[in-house]
Amino acid sequence: MTEPFSTIGGLATKDEAYRKLQHHLSEAQNQALAIGHFFNTEDDNISKLMAKGWYGVGEMLAMVQVQVRQIMMRRAN
């Protein structure tokens, strides 16, 4: 599933691409944490382990968001 790329005056902008990327990373983090929560509600050991894995994925996505923000801030200067 792809969305048309947003443009301003017919031209794609770095700012819009950055905003969209940050939004999708944030959404992915939220969904990974939700999946972890669902696994954590089950009683077996493998589900508890899967929950920890999904929580880890959520944390990694948060780290990616920070790195992308830092890269974009360096580019802006």
Protein backbone atom coordinates (compact mmCIF):
# COMPACT_ATOMS: atom_id res chain seq x y z
CA MET A 1 0.00 0.00 0.00
CA THR A 2 1.54 3.28 -1.08
CA GLU A 3 0.30 6.81 -0.75
CA PRO A 4 0.91 9.52 -3.30
CA PHE A 5 3.85 11.65 -2.26
CA SER A 6 2.80 15.04 -0.89
CA THR A 7 4.03 18.03 -2.79
CA ILE A 8 4.00 21.79 -2.37
CA GLY A 9 3.33 23.50 -5.67
CA GLY A 10 4.03 20.23 -7.48
CA LEU A 11 7.48 19.82 -5.90
CA ALA A 12 8.35 17.25 -3.26
CA THR A 13 9.97 18.77 -0.17
CA LYS A 14 12.46 17.37 2.34
CA ASP A 15 10.38 18.79 5.15
CA GLU A 16 7.24 16.91 4.12
CA ALA A 17 9.21 13.68 3.59
CA TYR A 18 10.80 14.07 7.03
CA ARG A 19 7.44 14.71 8.70
CA LYS A 20 5.91 11.68 7.00
CA LEU A 21 8.87 9.47 7.98
CA GLN A 22 8.67 10.58 11.63
CA HIS A 23 4.92 9.97 11.66
CA HIS A 24 5.31 6.45 10.28
CA LEU A 25 8.14 5.62 12.68
CA SER A 26 6.01 6.82 15.59
CA GLU A 27 3.03 4.78 14.38
CA ALA A 28 5.23 1.69 13.95
CA GLN A 29 6.59 2.13 17.49
CA ASN A 30 3.07 2.38 18.91
CA GLN A 31 1.96 -0.75 17.07
CA ALA A 32 5.03 -2.74 18.18
CA LEU A 33 4.32 -1.79 21.80
CA ALA A 34 0.65 -2.77 21.36
CA ILE A 35 1.65 -6.17 19.97
CA GLY A 36 4.00 -6.60 22.93
CA HIS A 37 1.15 -5.78 25.29
CA PHE A 38 -1.11 -8.36 23.64
CA PHE A 39 1.56 -11.05 23.95
CA ASN A 40 2.13 -10.04 27.57
CA THR A 41 -1.53 -10.76 28.44
CA GLU A 42 -1.03 -14.46 27.68
CA ASP A 43 0.18 -16.83 30.37
CA ASP A 44 2.77 -19.03 28.63
CA ASN A 45 6.51 -18.36 28.74
CA ILE A 46 6.97 -18.06 24.98
CA SER A 47 4.37 -15.26 24.87
CA LYS A 48 6.18 -13.40 27.65
CA LEU A 49 9.40 -13.73 25.65
CA MET A 50 7.66 -12.51 22.48
CA ALA A 51 6.32 -9.53 24.44
CA LYS A 52 9.85 -8.57 25.47
CA GLY A 53 10.95 -8.86 21.85
CA TRP A 54 8.18 -6.57 20.64
CA TYR A 55 8.93 -4.08 23.41
CA GLY A 56 12.52 -4.14 22.17
CA VAL A 57 11.36 -3.43 18.62
CA GLY A 58 9.41 -0.44 19.97
CA GLU A 59 12.49 0.86 21.74
CA MET A 60 14.62 0.43 18.62
CA LEU A 61 12.09 2.40 16.58
CA ALA A 62 12.25 5.18 19.18
CA MET A 63 16.04 5.22 18.78
CA VAL A 64 15.67 5.44 15.00
CA GLN A 65 13.35 8.44 15.43
CA VAL A 66 16.00 10.21 17.51
CA GLN A 67 18.72 9.44 14.97
CA VAL A 68 16.60 10.69 12.06
CA ARG A 69 15.81 13.88 14.00
CA GLN A 70 19.51 14.46 14.69
CA ILE A 71 20.43 13.90 11.04
CA MET A 72 17.78 16.35 9.88
CA MET A 73 18.87 18.94 12.45
CA ARG A 74 22.46 18.72 11.18
CA ARG A 75 21.22 19.17 7.61
CA ALA A 76 19.21 22.24 8.57
CA ASN A 77 22.29 24.04 9.90
